[in-house]
Amino acid sequence: MSRPPKQLHLNAFLMSTGHHEASWRLPESDPYATTSIAHYANLAQTAERGKLDSIFFADSPSLWGTVGRRPSGSLEPTVVLAAIAALTTHIGLIATASTTYNEPYNLARRFASIDHISGGRVGWNIVTTATLDAARNFNLDELPSHAARYARAEEFLQVAKKLWDSWDDDAVVADKERGVWGDDRLLYPAAHEGEHFQVAGALNVPRSPQGHPLLVQAGSSEDGRAFAAGHAEAIFTAWQTIEEAQAFYADVKRRAKDAGRDPDTVLVLPGIVPVIGSTETEACLLEEELDRLIVPRYALENLARQLKLDPSELDLDRELPEALPTEDEIEGAKSRFTLIVDLARRERLTVRRLIGRLGGGRGHRTFAGTPEQVADAILDWADQGAADGFNIMPAVLPSGLEAFVDQVVPILQAKGRFRTEYESATLRGHYGLARPENPRRREALESAVKGVLAHVR
């Protein structure tokens, strides 16, 4: 008996006027969209019309580079999700939040609140924030080391889970007759004392519809892979070739299995920047138009910062210098550094051409073609063990998302590879993941049984 075709998971990564850094210069684009909730609500409703699993917002507690380069600054994403939750009914809502520059209690409360507001549709993209600018916004002179950031993240998540599980699902009694609203015996204070955090009490929000938000992770370094294998339920990642993506996919699934987890519950979603045209020529012309609008000076400064070089060391019409730092010397985004260098070396790109390749998706795979070609590219990776789905990153918004929803999604649906209707009310349900049980309740019951047995003896 043949197995049914693998169902895809599709997330829409939303960024101001689009992922291409010059998208804001197109006549159709609104250069003020980055602070418009109406813009993001419209995009969320478009994604929901296409039955996508979720939408996603990146974030950093600092400005992203030079404000001259592209629309900069951004609304705080959990605030955006709360607003969008009221204007949508099914689409999952994922926001980025840093474990380096937050406290577990505040963040756990925020995500639990949005899960209640949305009826169980929230996800947390867990990051450790790899920029010196962010560190200097939080009383630090230097960026904490890569290893230190991940050690803090490990304990941060441990505390957050304790807080989300600090209310039993049955703790709210709401017995009007007896005058009892809740059962204090069914609260399980965090009582956490660790290297980075001391958190005493229970969360001041009851356990949310999903129990925990969907846990997402986006690092591909050695520490990032280990963290993802232990905790992530969806992984956003960036690869240029199917061979690299296959190797990452197999490695993460193996690590998850070694950690005692079901690899099928760890979903790998590479990024893809689709540029869609009615013909391949039309799509390529749109991509070329966007690349022509890149301002080389800004792009050069950004590339130099990523490579830990002075801009004067880069020549637009030459390949990258032979002498570059190693990944071990990078304390920031290690995996992205390696991806950029490997891409440049493998294809012998001049700095000018490299800037063009990075302008569309900052290292994510870009693909220009017809709707049929985009659908085939997605299915090719999914069917060859490189992806469970994709993080869709339209080069231009809103038109790129509209084209994907209206032209690519119907092809995937017709092939039986993507839902035609939502079958679940929660984000976990969209991703085929179970609601986590509350281990604190089990621990409390086991402790009570031991107490009774001890009394009997």
Protein backbone atom coordinates (compact mmCIF):
# COMPACT_ATOMS: atom_id res chain seq x y z
CA MET A 1 0.00 0.00 0.00
CA SER A 2 1.53 3.31 -1.07
CA ARG A 3 1.98 6.06 1.50
CA PRO A 4 0.10 9.34 0.99
CA PRO A 5 2.25 12.19 -0.34
CA LYS A 6 4.13 14.21 2.25
CA GLN A 7 2.18 17.30 3.24
CA LEU A 8 4.10 20.57 3.16
CA HIS A 9 4.26 23.21 5.87
CA LEU A 10 4.46 26.80 4.69
CA ASN A 11 5.27 29.85 6.78
CA ALA A 12 5.26 33.43 5.49
CA PHE A 13 8.20 35.49 6.77
CA LEU A 14 6.98 39.10 6.70
CA MET A 15 9.44 42.00 6.49
CA SER A 16 8.38 45.60 5.77
CA THR A 17 8.16 46.06 1.97
CA GLY A 18 9.74 42.69 1.22
CA HIS A 19 12.96 40.77 1.70
CA HIS A 20 14.83 42.32 -1.18
CA GLU A 21 16.71 45.28 0.26
CA ALA A 22 15.69 47.51 -2.67
CA SER A 23 12.00 46.53 -2.65
CA TRP A 24 11.05 49.81 -0.98
CA ARG A 25 12.24 51.72 -4.08
CA LEU A 26 9.66 50.18 -6.41
CA PRO A 27 6.77 52.50 -7.39
CA GLU A 28 4.24 50.12 -5.79
CA SER A 29 5.97 50.05 -2.40
CA ASP A 30 5.03 52.07 0.69
CA PRO A 31 8.32 53.16 2.33
CA TYR A 32 6.43 53.77 5.60
CA ALA A 33 4.91 50.27 5.74
CA THR A 34 7.31 49.06 8.42
CA THR A 35 5.27 50.81 11.15
CA SER A 36 1.81 50.22 9.64
CA ILE A 37 -0.31 47.63 11.45
CA ALA A 38 -2.79 47.80 8.56
CA HIS A 39 0.00 46.62 6.22
CA TYR A 40 0.84 43.62 8.39
CA ALA A 41 -2.80 42.77 9.04
CA ASN A 42 -3.43 42.70 5.28
CA LEU A 43 -0.44 40.38 4.79
CA ALA A 44 -1.65 38.08 7.59
CA GLN A 45 -5.10 37.90 6.03
CA THR A 46 -3.55 37.11 2.64
CA ALA A 47 -1.51 34.28 4.18
CA GLU A 48 -4.62 32.98 5.91
CA ARG A 49 -6.52 33.05 2.61
CA GLY A 50 -3.80 30.75 1.27
CA LYS A 51 -4.22 28.41 4.28
CA LEU A 52 -0.55 28.87 5.24
CA ASP A 53 0.51 27.43 8.58
CA SER A 54 1.82 30.66 10.02
CA ILE A 55 3.34 34.10 9.64
CA PHE A 56 6.63 35.11 11.22
CA PHE A 57 8.32 38.32 12.32
CA ALA A 58 12.06 38.63 12.90
CA ASP A 59 13.34 41.05 15.52
CA SER A 60 16.43 42.50 17.17
CA PRO A 61 16.66 44.91 20.12
CA SER A 62 18.76 47.31 18.05
CA LEU A 63 18.66 49.05 14.70
CA TRP A 64 19.46 46.82 11.72
CA GLY A 65 22.47 48.51 10.19
CA THR A 66 22.43 51.81 8.33
CA VAL A 67 19.02 53.47 8.12
CA GLY A 68 19.89 54.82 4.68
CA ARG A 69 19.97 51.34 3.20
CA ARG A 70 16.35 50.18 3.59
CA PRO A 71 13.29 50.77 5.83
CA SER A 72 14.69 50.38 9.32
CA GLY A 73 13.23 50.10 12.77
CA SER A 74 10.34 47.79 13.49
CA LEU A 75 7.33 47.44 15.73
CA GLU A 76 7.78 45.11 18.70
CA PRO A 77 6.57 41.80 17.20
CA THR A 78 4.56 40.39 20.11
CA VAL A 79 2.55 43.64 20.12
CA VAL A 80 1.98 43.19 16.38
CA LEU A 81 0.82 39.60 16.94
CA ALA A 82 -1.70 40.68 19.56
CA ALA A 83 -3.19 43.16 17.09
CA ILE A 84 -3.24 40.66 14.21
CA ALA A 85 -4.80 37.95 16.42
CA ALA A 86 -8.02 39.97 16.57
CA LEU A 87 -8.16 40.28 12.78
CA THR A 88 -7.54 36.62 11.86
CA THR A 89 -8.99 33.28 12.88
CA HIS A 90 -6.63 30.46 11.87
CA ILE A 91 -3.18 31.62 10.77
CA GLY A 92 -0.36 30.84 13.20
CA LEU A 93 1.47 33.82 14.71
CA ILE A 94 5.24 33.52 15.34
CA ALA A 95 7.41 36.26 16.84
CA THR A 96 11.13 36.45 17.54
CA ALA A 97 12.27 37.23 21.07
CA SER A 98 15.77 37.11 22.51
CA THR A 99 16.87 35.03 25.49
CA THR A 100 19.90 37.31 25.84
CA TYR A 101 17.99 40.54 26.51
CA ASN A 102 14.78 39.41 28.21
CA GLU A 103 13.81 37.74 31.47
CA PRO A 104 11.92 34.41 31.48
CA TYR A 105 8.97 35.60 33.58
CA ASN A 106 8.14 38.61 31.39
CA LEU A 107 8.53 36.73 28.14
CA ALA A 108 6.66 33.61 29.27
CA ARG A 109 3.79 35.83 30.40
CA ARG A 110 3.75 37.71 27.08
CA PHE A 111 3.58 34.57 24.94
CA ALA A 112 1.01 32.90 27.21
CA SER A 113 -1.13 36.03 26.96
CA ILE A 114 -1.01 36.05 23.14
CA ASP A 115 -1.80 32.33 23.06
CA HIS A 116 -4.96 33.08 25.05
CA ILE A 117 -5.83 36.10 22.91
CA SER A 118 -5.40 34.15 19.67
CA GLY A 119 -7.07 30.95 20.81
CA GLY A 120 -3.87 28.93 20.65
CA ARG A 121 -1.99 30.24 17.61
CA VAL A 122 1.29 31.63 18.93
CA GLY A 123 4.87 30.53 18.37
CA TRP A 124 8.20 31.78 19.73
CA ASN A 125 11.28 32.02 17.52
CA ILE A 126 14.07 31.66 20.08
CA VAL A 127 17.22 33.67 19.33
CA THR A 128 20.33 34.60 21.26
CA THR A 129 20.94 37.96 19.47
CA ALA A 130 24.35 38.11 17.88
CA THR A 131 25.10 41.83 17.52
CA LEU A 132 27.34 44.15 19.51
CA ASP A 133 24.86 47.01 18.94
CA ALA A 134 22.23 45.09 20.90
CA ALA A 135 24.66 44.34 23.73
CA ARG A 136 25.45 48.03 24.09
CA ASN A 137 21.74 48.78 24.45
CA PHE A 138 21.64 46.57 27.56
CA ASN A 139 24.49 47.80 29.77
CA LEU A 140 27.15 45.63 28.11
CA ASP A 141 30.41 46.77 26.55
CA GLU A 142 31.00 43.51 24.68
CA LEU A 143 28.88 40.88 22.99
CA PRO A 144 28.56 37.81 25.25
CA SER A 145 30.32 34.82 23.73
CA HIS A 146 28.45 32.42 21.49
CA ALA A 147 28.72 29.65 24.09
CA ALA A 148 27.58 31.93 26.93
CA ARG A 149 24.52 33.09 24.97
CA TYR A 150 23.44 29.51 24.29
CA ALA A 151 24.04 28.45 27.92
CA ARG A 152 21.74 31.28 29.03
CA ALA A 153 19.19 30.29 26.35
CA GLU A 154 19.15 26.69 27.62
CA GLU A 155 18.31 27.76 31.16
CA PHE A 156 15.95 30.50 29.96
CA LEU A 157 13.81 27.96 28.12
CA GLN A 158 13.90 25.59 31.08
CA VAL A 159 12.44 28.36 33.28
CA ALA A 160 9.88 29.42 30.67
CA LYS A 161 8.53 25.85 30.46
CA LYS A 162 8.27 25.69 34.26
CA LEU A 163 6.25 28.90 34.17
CA TRP A 164 3.92 27.77 31.39
CA ASP A 165 3.36 24.56 33.36
CA SER A 166 2.89 26.34 36.71
CA TRP A 167 -0.90 26.14 36.33
CA ASP A 168 -2.64 22.79 36.05
CA ASP A 169 -5.16 22.66 33.21
CA ASP A 170 -7.84 22.11 35.88
CA ALA A 171 -6.66 24.86 38.24
CA VAL A 172 -9.50 27.21 37.29
CA VAL A 173 -12.61 25.79 38.99
CA ALA A 174 -15.00 28.74 38.48
CA ASP A 175 -17.50 27.30 40.99
CA LYS A 176 -19.94 30.13 41.62
CA GLU A 177 -22.06 28.08 44.02
CA ARG A 178 -19.17 27.38 46.41
CA GLY A 179 -17.46 30.68 45.74
CA VAL A 180 -14.26 28.98 44.58
CA TRP A 181 -12.58 30.39 41.46
CA GLY A 182 -9.34 28.39 41.49
CA ASP A 183 -7.63 25.52 43.27
CA ASP A 184 -4.36 26.59 44.88
CA ARG A 185 -3.30 22.94 45.14
CA LEU A 186 -3.08 22.86 41.35
CA LEU A 187 -0.51 25.65 41.12
CA TYR A 188 3.12 24.60 40.77
CA PRO A 189 5.52 27.51 41.48
CA ALA A 190 8.67 27.53 39.34
CA ALA A 191 10.97 27.53 42.40
CA HIS A 192 13.94 27.79 40.06
CA GLU A 193 17.46 28.60 41.25
CA GLY A 194 20.08 28.36 38.53
CA GLU A 195 23.24 29.95 37.21
CA HIS A 196 21.43 32.73 35.33
CA PHE A 197 17.95 32.95 36.86
CA GLN A 198 16.16 32.75 40.18
CA VAL A 199 12.39 32.58 39.67
CA ALA A 200 10.15 31.76 42.62
CA GLY A 201 6.48 31.91 41.76
CA ALA A 202 3.90 30.59 39.38
CA LEU A 203 3.07 32.56 36.25
CA ASN A 204 0.22 35.05 36.68
CA VAL A 205 -1.48 33.72 33.53
CA PRO A 206 -3.34 30.36 33.48
CA ARG A 207 -1.99 27.60 31.23
CA SER A 208 -2.73 28.63 27.67
CA PRO A 209 -4.67 26.78 24.92
CA GLN A 210 -1.50 25.22 23.45
CA GLY A 211 0.13 24.58 26.82
CA HIS A 212 3.34 26.01 25.39
CA PRO A 213 3.80 28.17 22.31
CA LEU A 214 5.26 26.40 19.30
CA LEU A 215 9.04 26.55 19.79
CA VAL A 216 11.01 27.72 16.74
CA GLN A 217 14.77 28.11 16.33
CA ALA A 218 16.85 29.61 13.55
CA GLY A 219 20.53 28.91 14.27
CA SER A 220 22.59 26.46 12.20
CA SER A 221 25.91 26.64 14.06
CA GLU A 222 27.09 23.71 16.18
CA ASP A 223 25.51 25.22 19.30
CA GLY A 224 22.41 26.14 17.32
CA ARG A 225 21.95 22.59 16.02
CA ALA A 226 22.36 21.11 19.49
CA PHE A 227 19.80 23.55 20.90
CA ALA A 228 17.38 22.86 18.02
CA ALA A 229 17.69 19.09 18.41
CA GLY A 230 16.88 19.35 22.10
CA HIS A 231 14.02 21.86 21.96
CA ALA A 232 12.87 23.18 18.57
CA GLU A 233 9.65 22.03 16.97
CA ALA A 234 10.26 24.02 13.80
CA ILE A 235 13.62 25.16 12.45
CA PHE A 236 14.05 28.11 10.11
CA THR A 237 17.29 27.72 8.21
CA ALA A 238 19.16 29.09 5.18
CA TRP A 239 20.89 27.02 2.48
CA GLN A 240 21.90 27.72 -1.09
CA THR A 241 22.17 24.17 -2.43
CA ILE A 242 20.09 21.03 -2.02
CA GLU A 243 23.18 19.08 -0.94
CA GLU A 244 23.79 21.47 1.98
CA ALA A 245 20.11 21.40 2.92
CA GLN A 246 20.01 17.59 2.81
CA ALA A 247 23.05 17.34 5.06
CA PHE A 248 21.57 19.77 7.59
CA TYR A 249 18.18 18.01 7.49
CA ALA A 250 19.72 14.59 8.14
CA ASP A 251 22.01 15.94 10.87
CA VAL A 252 19.25 17.69 12.83
CA LYS A 253 16.89 14.72 12.57
CA ARG A 254 19.66 12.40 13.81
CA ARG A 255 20.46 14.70 16.71
CA ALA A 256 16.79 14.90 17.67
CA LYS A 257 16.54 11.10 17.69
CA ASP A 258 19.71 10.87 19.79
CA ALA A 259 18.08 13.32 22.23
CA GLY A 260 15.15 10.92 22.65
CA ARG A 261 12.75 12.89 20.46
CA ASP A 262 10.66 11.80 17.48
CA PRO A 263 12.45 13.33 14.45
CA ASP A 264 9.10 13.78 12.70
CA THR A 265 8.16 16.34 15.38
CA VAL A 266 11.14 18.53 14.43
CA LEU A 267 10.18 20.31 11.21
CA VAL A 268 12.89 21.81 9.01
CA LEU A 269 11.78 24.83 6.95
CA PRO A 270 14.49 26.41 4.76
CA GLY A 271 13.95 29.93 3.51
CA ILE A 272 13.14 30.62 -0.14
CA VAL A 273 12.75 34.02 -1.81
CA PRO A 274 10.40 33.42 -4.75
CA VAL A 275 10.28 36.03 -7.53
CA ILE A 276 7.25 35.06 -9.59
CA GLY A 277 6.38 36.02 -13.15
CA SER A 278 3.92 34.78 -15.76
CA THR A 279 7.00 33.64 -17.70
CA GLU A 280 10.51 32.85 -16.57
CA THR A 281 11.76 35.89 -18.50
CA GLU A 282 9.31 38.16 -16.70
CA ALA A 283 10.41 36.82 -13.31
CA CYS A 284 14.10 37.29 -14.17
CA LEU A 285 13.47 40.85 -15.36
CA LEU A 286 11.80 41.69 -12.04
CA GLU A 287 14.75 40.21 -10.16
CA GLU A 288 17.19 42.19 -12.32
CA GLU A 289 15.22 45.39 -11.73
CA LEU A 290 15.42 44.88 -7.97
CA ASP A 291 19.15 44.16 -8.11
CA ARG A 292 19.76 47.35 -10.15
CA LEU A 293 18.14 49.35 -7.34
CA ILE A 294 20.63 48.16 -4.71
CA VAL A 295 22.90 50.99 -3.52
CA PRO A 296 26.39 49.40 -3.56
CA ARG A 297 27.84 51.61 -0.82
CA TYR A 298 25.28 50.50 1.77
CA ALA A 299 25.45 46.86 0.71
CA LEU A 300 29.27 46.92 0.85
CA GLU A 301 29.24 48.30 4.39
CA ASN A 302 26.79 45.62 5.48
CA LEU A 303 28.82 42.80 3.90
CA ALA A 304 32.03 44.08 5.49
CA ARG A 305 30.35 44.12 8.91
CA GLN A 306 29.19 40.50 8.47
CA LEU A 307 32.70 39.39 7.48
CA LYS A 308 34.45 41.41 10.21
CA LEU A 309 36.34 43.46 7.62
CA ASP A 310 36.84 47.13 6.90
CA PRO A 311 34.89 48.19 3.77
CA SER A 312 38.18 49.34 2.24
CA GLU A 313 39.29 45.68 2.13
CA LEU A 314 36.52 44.82 -0.35
CA ASP A 315 36.73 45.62 -4.06
CA LEU A 316 33.39 45.50 -5.88
CA ASP A 317 34.93 43.97 -8.99
CA ARG A 318 37.12 41.37 -7.28
CA GLU A 319 36.39 38.22 -5.35
CA LEU A 320 36.54 38.17 -1.56
CA PRO A 321 40.03 38.50 -0.07
CA GLU A 322 41.83 35.23 0.63
CA ALA A 323 42.47 36.24 4.25
CA LEU A 324 39.16 36.08 6.10
CA PRO A 325 38.31 35.24 9.71
CA THR A 326 37.39 31.64 10.48
CA GLU A 327 33.95 30.73 11.84
CA ASP A 328 35.57 30.14 15.25
CA GLU A 329 36.59 33.82 15.31
CA ILE A 330 33.00 34.98 14.72
CA GLU A 331 30.95 35.59 17.88
CA GLY A 332 27.91 36.75 15.97
CA ALA A 333 25.90 34.84 13.35
CA LYS A 334 28.40 32.02 12.77
CA SER A 335 26.36 29.92 10.34
CA ARG A 336 25.40 32.92 8.19
CA PHE A 337 29.07 33.98 7.96
CA THR A 338 30.01 30.52 6.68
CA LEU A 339 27.11 30.43 4.22
CA ILE A 340 28.14 33.75 2.66
CA VAL A 341 31.81 32.80 2.35
CA ASP A 342 31.01 29.35 0.93
CA LEU A 343 28.64 30.86 -1.64
CA ALA A 344 31.24 33.39 -2.78
CA ARG A 345 34.04 30.81 -3.00
CA ARG A 346 31.96 28.09 -4.66
CA GLU A 347 30.65 30.32 -7.45
CA ARG A 348 33.74 32.56 -7.65
CA LEU A 349 31.55 35.65 -7.23
CA THR A 350 32.91 39.16 -7.32
CA VAL A 351 31.86 41.31 -4.37
CA ARG A 352 29.41 43.12 -6.66
CA ARG A 353 27.75 39.86 -7.72
CA LEU A 354 27.78 38.58 -4.15
CA ILE A 355 25.98 41.71 -2.99
CA GLY A 356 23.35 41.08 -5.65
CA ARG A 357 22.90 37.48 -4.52
CA LEU A 358 22.54 38.54 -0.89
CA GLY A 359 20.26 41.49 -1.64
CA GLY A 360 17.21 39.31 -2.14
CA GLY A 361 17.35 37.20 1.00
CA ARG A 362 20.56 37.81 2.99
CA GLY A 363 21.84 34.31 2.16
CA HIS A 364 18.54 32.47 1.76
CA ARG A 365 17.91 30.74 -1.54
CA THR A 366 16.40 33.01 -4.20
CA PHE A 367 14.40 31.58 -7.09
CA ALA A 368 12.94 33.43 -10.06
CA GLY A 369 10.42 31.62 -12.25
CA THR A 370 6.83 30.86 -13.10
CA PRO A 371 4.37 29.62 -10.47
CA GLU A 372 4.85 26.09 -11.79
CA GLN A 373 8.63 26.37 -11.54
CA VAL A 374 8.44 27.72 -7.97
CA ALA A 375 6.11 24.88 -6.96
CA ASP A 376 8.44 22.32 -8.55
CA ALA A 377 11.46 23.82 -6.78
CA ILE A 378 9.67 23.52 -3.43
CA LEU A 379 8.58 19.93 -4.07
CA ASP A 380 12.04 18.93 -5.31
CA TRP A 381 13.67 19.82 -2.00
CA ALA A 382 10.83 18.34 0.06
CA ASP A 383 10.90 15.05 -1.87
CA GLN A 384 14.68 14.69 -1.70
CA GLY A 385 15.05 14.91 2.07
CA ALA A 386 16.00 18.58 2.30
CA ALA A 387 12.87 20.12 3.84
CA ASP A 388 9.53 19.50 5.56
CA GLY A 389 8.25 22.72 4.06
CA PHE A 390 9.45 26.27 3.50
CA ASN A 391 9.77 29.67 5.06
CA ILE A 392 8.35 31.80 2.23
CA MET A 393 10.17 35.15 1.98
CA PRO A 394 8.57 37.31 -0.74
CA ALA A 395 11.03 39.69 -2.37
CA VAL A 396 8.33 42.38 -2.56
CA LEU A 397 5.31 42.88 -0.29
CA PRO A 398 2.40 42.69 -0.62
CA SER A 399 2.55 41.67 -4.31
CA GLY A 400 5.00 38.78 -3.82
CA LEU A 401 2.87 37.15 -1.13
CA GLU A 402 -0.28 37.64 -3.16
CA ALA A 403 1.36 35.98 -6.17
CA PHE A 404 2.49 33.03 -4.06
CA VAL A 405 -0.92 32.54 -2.44
CA ASP A 406 -2.93 32.99 -5.64
CA GLN A 407 -0.64 31.22 -8.11
CA VAL A 408 1.70 28.77 -6.35
CA VAL A 409 -0.48 27.46 -3.51
CA PRO A 410 -3.26 26.23 -5.88
CA ILE A 411 -0.65 24.16 -7.76
CA LEU A 412 0.55 22.54 -4.52
CA GLN A 413 -3.06 21.91 -3.51
CA ALA A 414 -3.89 20.34 -6.88
CA LYS A 415 -0.94 17.96 -6.43
CA GLY A 416 -2.32 16.93 -3.02
CA ARG A 417 0.67 18.40 -1.18
CA PHE A 418 -0.95 21.24 0.75
CA ARG A 419 -4.19 21.72 2.67
CA THR A 420 -7.25 23.23 1.01
CA GLU A 421 -8.86 24.04 4.37
CA TYR A 422 -7.60 24.42 7.90
CA GLU A 423 -8.20 21.25 9.91
CA SER A 424 -7.11 22.63 13.27
CA ALA A 425 -7.72 25.75 15.33
CA THR A 426 -4.19 25.91 16.78
CA LEU A 427 -0.70 26.47 15.41
CA ARG A 428 0.45 23.17 16.89
CA GLY A 429 -2.42 21.52 15.05
CA HIS A 430 -1.35 23.09 11.74
CA TYR A 431 2.13 21.62 12.21
CA GLY A 432 0.77 18.23 13.27
CA LEU A 433 2.17 18.54 16.78
CA ALA A 434 0.51 17.45 20.02
CA ARG A 435 -0.28 19.73 22.93
CA PRO A 436 2.42 19.05 25.56
CA GLU A 437 1.35 17.36 28.75
CA ASN A 438 2.10 19.12 32.03
CA PRO A 439 4.97 17.25 33.74
CA ARG A 440 4.47 19.35 36.88
CA ARG A 441 1.07 17.69 37.44
CA ARG A 442 2.61 14.24 37.12
CA GLU A 443 5.36 15.21 39.56
CA ALA A 444 2.78 16.56 42.01
CA LEU A 445 0.69 13.37 41.80
CA GLU A 446 3.77 11.18 42.27
CA SER A 447 4.78 13.24 45.30
CA ALA A 448 1.28 12.95 46.78
CA VAL A 449 1.26 9.17 46.31
CA LYS A 450 4.65 8.88 48.00
CA GLY A 451 3.32 10.97 50.89
CA VAL A 452 0.30 8.72 51.32
CA LEU A 453 2.42 5.57 51.20
CA ALA A 454 4.83 6.99 53.74
CA HIS A 455 1.90 7.83 56.03
CA VAL A 456 0.47 4.32 55.69
CA ARG A 457 3.81 2.80 56.61
